[in-house]
PDB file of N, CA and C in Angstrom:
ATOM      1  N   MET A   1       2.892   9.945  -8.394  1.00  0.00           N
ATOM      2  CA  MET A   1       3.356  10.193  -6.895  1.00  0.00           C
ATOM      3  C   MET A   1       1.938  11.230  -6.622  1.00  0.00           C
ATOM      4  N   ALA A   2       1.032  11.948  -7.615  1.00  0.00           N
ATOM      5  CA  ALA A   2      -0.127  13.088  -6.753  1.00  0.00           C
ATOM      6  C   ALA A   2      -0.561  12.297  -6.050  1.00  0.00           C
ATOM      7  N   LYS A   3      -1.765  11.005  -6.622  1.00  0.00           N
ATOM      8  CA  LYS A   3      -1.976  10.229  -5.994  1.00  0.00           C
ATOM      9  C   LYS A   3      -2.122  10.037  -4.798  1.00  0.00           C
ATOM     10  N   ALA A   4      -0.802   9.081  -4.982  1.00  0.00           N
ATOM     11  CA  ALA A   4      -0.507   8.824  -2.920  1.00  0.00           C
ATOM     12  C   ALA A   4      -0.659   9.972  -2.267  1.00  0.00           C
ATOM     13  N   LYS A   5       0.139  11.260  -2.669  1.00  0.00           N
ATOM     14  CA  LYS A   5       0.072  12.262  -2.131  1.00  0.00           C
ATOM     15  C   LYS A   5      -1.383  12.536  -1.749  1.00  0.00           C
ATOM     16  N   TYR A   6      -2.301  13.062  -2.306  1.00  0.00           N
ATOM     17  CA  TYR A   6      -3.481  13.040  -2.294  1.00  0.00           C
ATOM     18  C   TYR A   6      -4.010  12.446  -1.153  1.00  0.00           C
ATOM     19  N   HIS A   7      -3.959  10.685  -1.474  1.00  0.00           N
ATOM     20  CA  HIS A   7      -4.402   9.544  -0.795  1.00  0.00           C
ATOM     21  C   HIS A   7      -3.904   9.994   0.886  1.00  0.00           C
ATOM     22  N   LEU A   8      -2.569   9.780   1.135  1.00  0.00           N
ATOM     23  CA  LEU A   8      -1.567   9.721   2.073  1.00  0.00           C
ATOM     24  C   LEU A   8      -2.193  10.940   3.048  1.00  0.00           C
ATOM     25  N   LEU A   9      -2.075  12.475   2.256  1.00  0.00           N
ATOM     26  CA  LEU A   9      -2.060  13.362   3.270  1.00  0.00           C
ATOM     27  C   LEU A   9      -3.625  13.714   3.740  1.00  0.00           C
ATOM     28  N   LEU A  10      -4.346  13.432   3.017  1.00  0.00           N
ATOM     29  CA  LEU A  10      -5.293  13.637   3.590  1.00  0.00           C
ATOM     30  C   LEU A  10      -6.394  12.506   3.737  1.00  0.00           C
ATOM     31  N   CYS A  11      -5.689  11.097   4.335  1.00  0.00           N
ATOM     32  CA  CYS A  11      -6.094   9.769   4.523  1.00  0.00           C
ATOM     33  C   CYS A  11      -7.496   9.515   3.725  1.00  0.00           C
ATOM     34  N   GLU A  12      -7.331   9.585   2.774  1.00  0.00           N
ATOM     35  CA  GLU A  12      -8.619   9.378   1.701  1.00  0.00           C
ATOM     36  C   GLU A  12      -9.041   7.648   1.785  1.00  0.00           C
ATOM     37  N   PRO A  13     -10.242   7.420   2.345  1.00  0.00           N
ATOM     38  CA  PRO A  13      -9.899   5.764   2.142  1.00  0.00           C
ATOM     39  C   PRO A  13      -9.875   5.470   0.888  1.00  0.00           C
ATOM     40  N   VAL A  14      -9.531   3.942   0.230  1.00  0.00           N
ATOM     41  CA  VAL A  14      -9.313   3.630  -1.345  1.00  0.00           C
ATOM     42  C   VAL A  14      -9.799   2.859  -1.519  1.00  0.00           C
ATOM     43  N   ASN A  15     -10.972   2.219  -2.025  1.00  0.00           N
ATOM     44  CA  ASN A  15     -11.360   1.054  -2.238  1.00  0.00           C
ATOM     45  C   ASN A  15     -10.621   0.070  -3.349  1.00  0.00           C
ATOM     46  N   GLY A  16     -11.122  -1.555  -3.377  1.00  0.00           N
ATOM     47  CA  GLY A  16     -10.170  -2.193  -4.178  1.00  0.00           C
ATOM     48  C   GLY A  16     -10.289  -1.857  -5.743  1.00  0.00           C
ATOM     49  N   GLU A  17     -11.012  -1.306  -6.216  1.00  0.00           N
ATOM     50  CA  GLU A  17     -10.975  -0.799  -7.434  1.00  0.00           C
ATOM     51  C   GLU A  17     -10.144   0.365  -7.787  1.00  0.00           C
ATOM     52  N   GLU A  18     -10.329   1.308  -6.589  1.00  0.00           N
ATOM     53  CA  GLU A  18      -9.465   2.378  -6.899  1.00  0.00           C
ATOM     54  C   GLU A  18      -8.277   1.716  -6.454  1.00  0.00           C
ATOM     55  N   ALA A  19      -7.982   1.419  -5.871  1.00  0.00           N
ATOM     56  CA  ALA A  19      -6.744   0.937  -5.774  1.00  0.00           C
ATOM     57  C   ALA A  19      -5.812   0.133  -6.544  1.00  0.00           C
ATOM     58  N   GLU A  20      -6.548  -0.609  -7.357  1.00  0.00           N
ATOM     59  CA  GLU A  20      -6.094  -0.919  -8.181  1.00  0.00           C
ATOM     60  C   GLU A  20      -6.197   0.122  -9.608  1.00  0.00           C
ATOM     61  N   ARG A  21      -6.523   0.570 -10.033  1.00  0.00           N
ATOM     62  CA  ARG A  21      -6.823   1.684 -11.586  1.00  0.00           C
ATOM     63  C   ARG A  21      -5.563   2.616 -11.043  1.00  0.00           C
ATOM     64  N   ILE A  22      -5.073   2.737  -9.447  1.00  0.00           N
ATOM     65  CA  ILE A  22      -4.329   3.906  -9.533  1.00  0.00           C
ATOM     66  C   ILE A  22      -2.667   3.333  -9.453  1.00  0.00           C
ATOM     67  N   GLY A  23      -2.916   1.734  -9.357  1.00  0.00           N
ATOM     68  CA  GLY A  23      -1.587   1.238  -9.137  1.00  0.00           C
ATOM     69  C   GLY A  23      -1.329   0.874  -7.866  1.00  0.00           C
ATOM     70  N   LEU A  24      -2.421   0.659  -6.471  1.00  0.00           N
ATOM     71  CA  LEU A  24      -1.287   0.750  -5.275  1.00  0.00           C
ATOM     72  C   LEU A  24      -1.878  -1.166  -5.413  1.00  0.00           C
ATOM     73  N   VAL A  25      -2.406  -1.891  -6.121  1.00  0.00           N
ATOM     74  CA  VAL A  25      -2.077  -3.313  -6.090  1.00  0.00           C
ATOM     75  C   VAL A  25      -2.635  -3.672  -7.567  1.00  0.00           C
ATOM     76  N   SER A  26      -1.747  -4.767  -7.695  1.00  0.00           N
ATOM     77  CA  SER A  26      -1.664  -5.186  -9.135  1.00  0.00           C
ATOM     78  C   SER A  26      -3.462  -5.581  -9.367  1.00  0.00           C
ATOM     79  N   LEU A  27      -3.917  -6.146  -8.888  1.00  0.00           N
ATOM     80  CA  LEU A  27      -5.171  -6.776  -9.162  1.00  0.00           C
ATOM     81  C   LEU A  27      -6.443  -6.868  -8.100  1.00  0.00           C
ATOM     82  N   CYS A  28      -7.305  -6.774  -8.854  1.00  0.00           N
ATOM     83  CA  CYS A  28      -8.318  -6.792  -7.372  1.00  0.00           C
ATOM     84  C   CYS A  28      -9.703  -8.005  -8.014  1.00  0.00           C
ATOM     85  N   VAL A  29      -9.995  -8.426  -6.996  1.00  0.00           N
ATOM     86  CA  VAL A  29     -11.405  -9.671  -7.428  1.00  0.00           C
ATOM     87  C   VAL A  29     -12.389  -9.991  -6.696  1.00  0.00           C
ATOM     88  N   PRO A  30     -13.619  -9.750  -6.768  1.00  0.00           N
ATOM     89  CA  PRO A  30     -14.474  -9.893  -5.822  1.00  0.00           C
ATOM     90  C   PRO A  30     -13.972 -11.090  -4.754  1.00  0.00           C
ATOM     91  N   ALA A  31     -14.249 -11.197  -3.838  1.00  0.00           N
ATOM     92  CA  ALA A  31     -14.132 -12.074  -2.770  1.00  0.00           C
ATOM     93  C   ALA A  31     -14.049 -13.297  -3.197  1.00  0.00           C
ATOM     94  N   ASP A  32     -15.196 -13.715  -3.357  1.00  0.00           N
ATOM     95  CA  ASP A  32     -15.254 -15.273  -3.827  1.00  0.00           C
ATOM     96  C   ASP A  32     -14.574 -15.561  -5.486  1.00  0.00           C
ATOM     97  N   GLU A  33     -13.994 -15.480  -5.850  1.00  0.00           N
ATOM     98  CA  GLU A  33     -13.742 -15.120  -7.175  1.00  0.00           C
ATOM     99  C   GLU A  33     -12.286 -15.265  -7.230  1.00  0.00           C
ATOM    100  N   LEU A  34     -11.688 -14.406  -5.178  1.00  0.00           N
ATOM    101  CA  LEU A  34     -10.022 -15.095  -4.958  1.00  0.00           C
ATOM    102  C   LEU A  34      -9.379 -16.144  -5.254  1.00  0.00           C
ATOM    103  N   GLU A  35      -9.573 -16.738  -5.084  1.00  0.00           N
ATOM    104  CA  GLU A  35      -8.966 -18.504  -4.663  1.00  0.00           C
ATOM    105  C   GLU A  35      -8.800 -18.526  -6.476  1.00  0.00           C
ATOM    106  N   GLU A  36      -9.806 -18.736  -6.994  1.00  0.00           N
ATOM    107  CA  GLU A  36      -9.812 -19.049  -8.384  1.00  0.00           C
ATOM    108  C   GLU A  36      -8.920 -18.311  -9.144  1.00  0.00           C
ATOM    109  N   LYS A  37      -8.402 -16.976  -8.719  1.00  0.00           N
ATOM    110  CA  LYS A  37      -7.844 -16.296  -9.190  1.00  0.00           C
ATOM    111  C   LYS A  37      -6.783 -16.358  -9.349  1.00  0.00           C
ATOM    112  N   ALA A  38      -6.124 -16.647  -7.697  1.00  0.00           N
ATOM    113  CA  ALA A  38      -5.066 -17.010  -7.467  1.00  0.00           C
ATOM    114  C   ALA A  38      -4.252 -18.297  -8.171  1.00  0.00           C
ATOM    115  N   ILE A  39      -5.265 -19.141  -8.263  1.00  0.00           N
ATOM    116  CA  ILE A  39      -4.715 -20.529  -8.838  1.00  0.00           C
ATOM    117  C   ILE A  39      -4.133 -20.436 -10.131  1.00  0.00           C
ATOM    118  N   GLU A  40      -5.107 -19.190 -10.631  1.00  0.00           N
ATOM    119  CA  GLU A  40      -5.381 -19.301 -12.158  1.00  0.00           C
ATOM    120  C   GLU A  40      -3.541 -18.413 -12.434  1.00  0.00           C
ATOM    121  N   VAL A  41      -3.989 -17.512 -11.410  1.00  0.00           N
ATOM    122  CA  VAL A  41      -2.286 -16.705 -11.958  1.00  0.00           C
ATOM    123  C   VAL A  41      -1.260 -17.804 -11.555  1.00  0.00           C
ATOM    124  N   ALA A  42      -0.968 -18.151 -10.402  1.00  0.00           N
ATOM    125  CA  ALA A  42      -0.399 -19.632 -10.188  1.00  0.00           C
ATOM    126  C   ALA A  42      -0.110 -20.135 -11.195  1.00  0.00           C
ATOM    127  N   ARG A  43      -0.589 -20.995 -11.780  1.00  0.00           N
ATOM    128  CA  ARG A  43      -0.707 -21.930 -13.265  1.00  0.00           C
ATOM    129  C   ARG A  43      -0.131 -21.126 -14.152  1.00  0.00           C
ATOM    130  N   ARG A  44      -0.158 -20.203 -14.795  1.00  0.00           N
ATOM    131  CA  ARG A  44       0.026 -18.723 -15.610  1.00  0.00           C
ATOM    132  C   ARG A  44       1.885 -18.884 -15.335  1.00  0.00           C
ATOM    133  N   LEU A  45       2.151 -18.797 -14.214  1.00  0.00           N
ATOM    134  CA  LEU A  45       3.395 -18.477 -14.083  1.00  0.00           C
ATOM    135  C   LEU A  45       3.979 -19.843 -13.817  1.00  0.00           C
ATOM    136  N   ALA A  46       3.730 -20.767 -13.174  1.00  0.00           N
ATOM    137  CA  ALA A  46       4.133 -22.143 -13.350  1.00  0.00           C
ATOM    138  C   ALA A  46       4.461 -22.545 -14.759  1.00  0.00           C
ATOM    139  N   ALA A  47       3.580 -22.188 -15.819  1.00  0.00           N
ATOM    140  CA  ALA A  47       3.809 -22.342 -17.371  1.00  0.00           C
ATOM    141  C   ALA A  47       4.812 -21.613 -18.327  1.00  0.00           C
ATOM    142  N   GLY A  48       5.121 -20.542 -17.290  1.00  0.00           N
ATOM    143  CA  GLY A  48       6.180 -19.735 -18.301  1.00  0.00           C
ATOM    144  C   GLY A  48       7.372 -19.981 -18.106  1.00  0.00           C
ATOM    145  N   SER A  49       8.081 -19.220 -19.145  1.00  0.00           N
ATOM    146  CA  SER A  49       9.659 -19.344 -19.018  1.00  0.00           C
ATOM    147  C   SER A  49      10.496 -19.391 -17.207  1.00  0.00           C
ATOM    148  N   GLN A  50      10.468 -19.984 -16.708  1.00  0.00           N
ATOM    149  CA  GLN A  50      11.036 -19.771 -15.598  1.00  0.00           C
ATOM    150  C   GLN A  50      12.166 -18.852 -15.379  1.00  0.00           C
ATOM    151  N   PRO A  51      13.321 -18.704 -16.281  1.00  0.00           N
ATOM    152  CA  PRO A  51      14.537 -18.347 -16.137  1.00  0.00           C
ATOM    153  C   PRO A  51      14.048 -16.561 -16.434  1.00  0.00           C
ATOM    154  N   ALA A  52      13.264 -16.991 -17.496  1.00  0.00           N
ATOM    155  CA  ALA A  52      12.743 -15.140 -17.435  1.00  0.00           C
ATOM    156  C   ALA A  52      11.721 -14.441 -16.423  1.00  0.00           C
ATOM    157  N   ILE A  53      11.097 -15.262 -15.797  1.00  0.00           N
ATOM    158  CA  ILE A  53      10.082 -15.247 -14.830  1.00  0.00           C
ATOM    159  C   ILE A  53      10.998 -14.845 -13.149  1.00  0.00           C
ATOM    160  N   GLN A  54      12.319 -15.488 -13.864  1.00  0.00           N
ATOM    161  CA  GLN A  54      13.038 -15.528 -12.280  1.00  0.00           C
ATOM    162  C   GLN A  54      13.735 -14.041 -12.488  1.00  0.00           C
ATOM    163  N   HIS A  55      14.255 -13.760 -13.490  1.00  0.00           N
ATOM    164  CA  HIS A  55      15.419 -12.405 -13.849  1.00  0.00           C
ATOM    165  C   HIS A  55      14.163 -11.603 -14.072  1.00  0.00           C
ATOM    166  N   THR A  56      13.102 -11.299 -14.074  1.00  0.00           N
ATOM    167  CA  THR A  56      11.982  -9.688 -14.160  1.00  0.00           C
ATOM    168  C   THR A  56      11.717  -9.829 -12.891  1.00  0.00           C
ATOM    169  N   LYS A  57      11.771 -11.083 -12.109  1.00  0.00           N
ATOM    170  CA  LYS A  57      11.446 -10.889 -10.433  1.00  0.00           C
ATOM    171  C   LYS A  57      12.856 -10.101 -10.007  1.00  0.00           C
ATOM    172  N   LEU A  58      13.624 -10.345 -10.429  1.00  0.00           N
ATOM    173  CA  LEU A  58      15.156  -9.874  -9.392  1.00  0.00           C
ATOM    174  C   LEU A  58      15.318  -8.215 -10.164  1.00  0.00           C
ATOM    175  N   ALA A  59      15.464  -8.433 -11.239  1.00  0.00           N
ATOM    176  CA  ALA A  59      15.475  -6.973 -11.889  1.00  0.00           C
ATOM    177  C   ALA A  59      13.916  -6.083 -11.271  1.00  0.00           C
ATOM    178  N   LEU A  60      12.917  -6.056 -11.174  1.00  0.00           N
ATOM    179  CA  LEU A  60      12.327  -5.609 -10.048  1.00  0.00           C
ATOM    180  C   LEU A  60      12.634  -5.303  -8.798  1.00  0.00           C
ATOM    181  N   ASN A  61      12.817  -5.960  -8.241  1.00  0.00           N
ATOM    182  CA  ASN A  61      13.299  -5.721  -6.865  1.00  0.00           C
ATOM    183  C   ASN A  61      14.853  -5.410  -6.827  1.00  0.00           C
ATOM    184  N   ASN A  62      15.109  -5.447  -7.861  1.00  0.00           N
ATOM    185  CA  ASN A  62      17.024  -4.428  -7.890  1.00  0.00           C
ATOM    186  C   ASN A  62      16.346  -2.715  -7.142  1.00  0.00           C
ATOM    187  N   TRP A  63      15.156  -2.547  -8.084  1.00  0.00           N
ATOM    188  CA  TRP A  63      14.793  -0.978  -7.596  1.00  0.00           C
ATOM    189  C   TRP A  63      13.926  -0.805  -6.353  1.00  0.00           C
ATOM    190  N   LEU A  64      13.290  -1.659  -5.978  1.00  0.00           N
ATOM    191  CA  LEU A  64      12.814  -2.125  -4.507  1.00  0.00           C
ATOM    192  C   LEU A  64      13.821  -2.105  -3.648  1.00  0.00           C
ATOM    193  N   ARG A  65      15.287  -2.361  -3.394  1.00  0.00           N
ATOM    194  CA  ARG A  65      16.248  -2.384  -3.206  1.00  0.00           C
ATOM    195  C   ARG A  65      17.074  -1.046  -3.147  1.00  0.00           C
ATOM    196  N   ALA A  66      17.151  -0.282  -4.382  1.00  0.00           N
ATOM    197  CA  ALA A  66      17.244   1.126  -4.250  1.00  0.00           C
ATOM    198  C   ALA A  66      17.055   2.151  -3.659  1.00  0.00           C
ATOM    199  N   ALA A  67      15.290   2.091  -3.449  1.00  0.00           N
ATOM    200  CA  ALA A  67      14.290   2.622  -2.683  1.00  0.00           C
ATOM    201  C   ALA A  67      14.291   2.779  -1.607  1.00  0.00           C
ATOM    202  N   GLY A  68      15.235   1.531  -0.788  1.00  0.00           N
ATOM    203  CA  GLY A  68      15.045   1.309   0.389  1.00  0.00           C
ATOM    204  C   GLY A  68      15.709   2.335   1.442  1.00  0.00           C
ATOM    205  N   PRO A  69      16.401   3.174   1.001  1.00  0.00           N
ATOM    206  CA  PRO A  69      16.561   3.986   2.215  1.00  0.00           C
ATOM    207  C   PRO A  69      15.797   5.308   2.180  1.00  0.00           C
ATOM    208  N   ALA A  70      14.950   5.226   1.240  1.00  0.00           N
ATOM    209  CA  ALA A  70      13.674   6.201   1.034  1.00  0.00           C
ATOM    210  C   ALA A  70      12.469   5.370   2.265  1.00  0.00           C
ATOM    211  N   PHE A  71      12.655   4.029   1.630  1.00  0.00           N
ATOM    212  CA  PHE A  71      11.417   3.799   2.681  1.00  0.00           C
ATOM    213  C   PHE A  71      11.524   3.797   4.307  1.00  0.00           C
ATOM    214  N   ASP A  72      12.737   3.297   4.572  1.00  0.00           N
ATOM    215  CA  ASP A  72      13.526   3.942   5.830  1.00  0.00           C
ATOM    216  C   ASP A  72      13.176   5.109   6.464  1.00  0.00           C
ATOM    217  N   ALA A  73      13.518   5.716   5.821  1.00  0.00           N
ATOM    218  CA  ALA A  73      13.088   6.969   6.384  1.00  0.00           C
ATOM    219  C   ALA A  73      11.715   7.008   6.548  1.00  0.00           C
ATOM    220  N   SER A  74      11.040   7.066   5.590  1.00  0.00           N
ATOM    221  CA  SER A  74       9.154   6.963   5.658  1.00  0.00           C
ATOM    222  C   SER A  74       8.772   6.373   6.942  1.00  0.00           C
ATOM    223  N   LEU A  75       9.556   5.257   7.056  1.00  0.00           N
ATOM    224  CA  LEU A  75       9.279   4.107   7.820  1.00  0.00           C
ATOM    225  C   LEU A  75       9.730   5.556   9.704  1.00  0.00           C
ATOM    226  N   ALA A  76      10.647   5.736   9.199  1.00  0.00           N
ATOM    227  CA  ALA A  76      10.772   6.033  10.569  1.00  0.00           C
ATOM    228  C   ALA A  76      10.200   7.154  11.511  1.00  0.00           C
ATOM    229  N   LEU A  77       9.596   8.361  10.261  1.00  0.00           N
ATOM    230  CA  LEU A  77       8.817   9.538  10.234  1.00  0.00           C
ATOM    231  C   LEU A  77       7.385   8.896  10.757  1.00  0.00           C
ATOM    232  N   GLU A  78       6.631   8.144  10.005  1.00  0.00           N
ATOM    233  CA  GLU A  78       5.755   7.337  10.715  1.00  0.00           C
ATOM    234  C   GLU A  78       5.659   6.632  11.854  1.00  0.00           C
ATOM    235  N   PHE A  79       6.870   6.055  13.005  1.00  0.00           N
ATOM    236  CA  PHE A  79       7.123   5.533  14.143  1.00  0.00           C
ATOM    237  C   PHE A  79       6.890   7.068  15.132  1.00  0.00           C
ATOM    238  N   LEU A  80       7.449   8.321  14.403  1.00  0.00           N
ATOM    239  CA  LEU A  80       8.050   9.339  14.993  1.00  0.00           C
ATOM    240  C   LEU A  80       6.320   9.954  15.695  1.00  0.00           C
ATOM    241  N   ASP A  81       5.754  10.347  13.912  1.00  0.00           N
ATOM    242  CA  ASP A  81       4.484  10.807  14.257  1.00  0.00           C
ATOM    243  C   ASP A  81       3.300  10.191  14.799  1.00  0.00           C
ATOM    244  N   MET A  82       3.553   8.761  15.541  1.00  0.00           N
ATOM    245  CA  MET A  82       2.202   7.772  16.060  1.00  0.00           C
ATOM    246  C   MET A  82       2.895   8.004  17.905  1.00  0.00           C
ATOM    247  N   THR A  83       3.313   9.152  18.078  1.00  0.00           N
ATOM    248  CA  THR A  83       3.748   8.893  19.586  1.00  0.00           C
ATOM    249  C   THR A  83       4.172  10.337  20.286  1.00  0.00           C
ATOM    250  N   GLY A  84       3.525  10.953  18.576  1.00  0.00           N
ATOM    251  CA  GLY A  84       3.297  12.425  19.109  1.00  0.00           C
ATOM    252  C   GLY A  84       1.806  12.295  20.016  1.00  0.00           C
ATOM    253  N   PRO A  85       1.630  14.412  20.286  1.00  0.00           N
ATOM    254  CA  PRO A  85       0.258  13.989  20.982  1.00  0.00           C
ATOM    255  C   PRO A  85      -1.057  14.318  20.066  1.00  0.00           C
ATOM    256  N   ASP A  86      -0.929  14.202  18.455  1.00  0.00           N
ATOM    257  CA  ASP A  86      -1.739  13.863  17.771  1.00  0.00           C
ATOM    258  C   ASP A  86      -2.455  12.941  17.699  1.00  0.00           C
ATOM    259  N   VAL A  87      -1.578  11.958  17.717  1.00  0.00           N
ATOM    260  CA  VAL A  87      -2.555  10.409  18.266  1.00  0.00           C
ATOM    261  C   VAL A  87      -3.800   9.754  19.257  1.00  0.00           C
ATOM    262  N   ALA A  88      -3.501  11.052  20.572  1.00  0.00           N
ATOM    263  CA  ALA A  88      -4.715  10.988  21.090  1.00  0.00           C
ATOM    264  C   ALA A  88      -5.469  11.729  21.082  1.00  0.00           C
ATOM    265  N   GLU A  89      -5.418  13.218  19.621  1.00  0.00           N
ATOM    266  CA  GLU A  89      -6.548  13.574  19.505  1.00  0.00           C
ATOM    267  C   GLU A  89      -7.489  12.944  18.357  1.00  0.00           C
ATOM    268  N   GLY A  90      -6.561  11.791  17.693  1.00  0.00           N
ATOM    269  CA  GLY A  90      -7.162  11.128  16.849  1.00  0.00           C
ATOM    270  C   GLY A  90      -8.130  10.502  17.205  1.00  0.00           C
ATOM    271  N   VAL A  91      -7.935   9.505  18.249  1.00  0.00           N
ATOM    272  CA  VAL A  91      -8.256   8.151  18.887  1.00  0.00           C
ATOM    273  C   VAL A  91      -9.811   8.887  19.901  1.00  0.00           C
ATOM    274  N   ALA A  92      -9.344  10.327  19.935  1.00  0.00           N
ATOM    275  CA  ALA A  92     -10.457  10.804  20.895  1.00  0.00           C
ATOM    276  C   ALA A  92     -11.540  11.137  19.771  1.00  0.00           C
ATOM    277  N   ALA A  93     -11.507  12.242  19.014  1.00  0.00           N
ATOM    278  CA  ALA A  93     -11.868  12.393  17.240  1.00  0.00           C
ATOM    279  C   ALA A  93     -12.587  11.313  17.023  1.00  0.00           C
ATOM    280  N   VAL A  94     -11.867   9.844  16.959  1.00  0.00           N
ATOM    281  CA  VAL A  94     -12.723   8.921  16.681  1.00  0.00           C
ATOM    282  C   VAL A  94     -13.703   8.302  17.582  1.00  0.00           C
ATOM    283  N   ARG A  95     -13.223   8.222  19.168  1.00  0.00           N
ATOM    284  CA  ARG A  95     -14.409   7.685  19.673  1.00  0.00           C
ATOM    285  C   ARG A  95     -15.703   8.342  20.314  1.00  0.00           C
ATOM    286  N   GLU A  96     -15.191  10.033  19.668  1.00  0.00           N
ATOM    287  CA  GLU A  96     -16.458  10.774  20.241  1.00  0.00           C
ATOM    288  C   GLU A  96     -17.003  10.823  18.816  1.00  0.00           C
ATOM    289  N   ARG A  97     -16.501  10.619  17.905  1.00  0.00           N
ATOM    290  CA  ARG A  97     -17.464  10.721  16.282  1.00  0.00           C
ATOM    291  C   ARG A  97     -17.351  12.206  16.222  1.00  0.00           C
ATOM    292  N   ARG A  98     -16.458  12.939  15.699  1.00  0.00           N
ATOM    293  CA  ARG A  98     -15.821  14.274  15.299  1.00  0.00           C
ATOM    294  C   ARG A  98     -15.021  14.280  14.488  1.00  0.00           C
ATOM    295  N   ALA A  99     -14.801  15.355  14.437  1.00  0.00           N
ATOM    296  CA  ALA A  99     -13.773  15.830  13.380  1.00  0.00           C
ATOM    297  C   ALA A  99     -12.270  16.433  14.160  1.00  0.00           C
ATOM    298  N   PRO A 100     -11.414  15.751  14.394  1.00  0.00           N
ATOM    299  CA  PRO A 100     -10.227  15.852  15.092  1.00  0.00           C
ATOM    300  C   PRO A 100     -10.091  17.328  15.117  1.00  0.00           C
ATOM    301  N   LYS A 101      -9.273  18.357  16.391  1.00  0.00           N
ATOM    302  CA  LYS A 101      -8.514  19.823  15.873  1.00  0.00           C
ATOM    303  C   LYS A 101      -7.104  19.494  16.258  1.00  0.00           C
ATOM    304  N   PHE A 102      -6.505  19.306  15.666  1.00  0.00           N
ATOM    305  CA  PHE A 102      -4.777  18.962  15.929  1.00  0.00           C
ATOM    306  C   PHE A 102      -4.421  20.779  15.466  1.00  0.00           C
ATOM    307  N   PRO A 103      -3.660  21.364  16.536  1.00  0.00           N
ATOM    308  CA  PRO A 103      -3.131  22.136  16.887  1.00  0.00           C
ATOM    309  C   PRO A 103      -2.396  22.669  15.400  1.00  0.00           C
ATOM    310  N   SER A 104      -2.192  23.629  14.929  1.00  0.00           N
ATOM    311  CA  SER A 104      -1.627  24.561  14.197  1.00  0.00           C
ATOM    312  C   SER A 104      -0.233  24.472  14.392  1.00  0.00           C
TER     313      SER A 104
END
């Protein structure tokens, strides 16, 4: 949570390697190796115990469903933020290549 707060609150960019390191993505590979790695993972999953894989996926998805209300609130707040005056200032700052000046 601490890393998520840091990156979200400060809008810090995250490259693929850092995203993998802090758990935002499960795997990061160079673009030229992507298809080969995807096929390798798919083959390993296809060769595994299907009931075990299905039950693990079901159990993990239940955790995600439990987080649904928090996600809904997060999404609603994000939409509210995208309708306020800060959006115009942010866009202007990017276009003018300057730091934004948000009101306190």
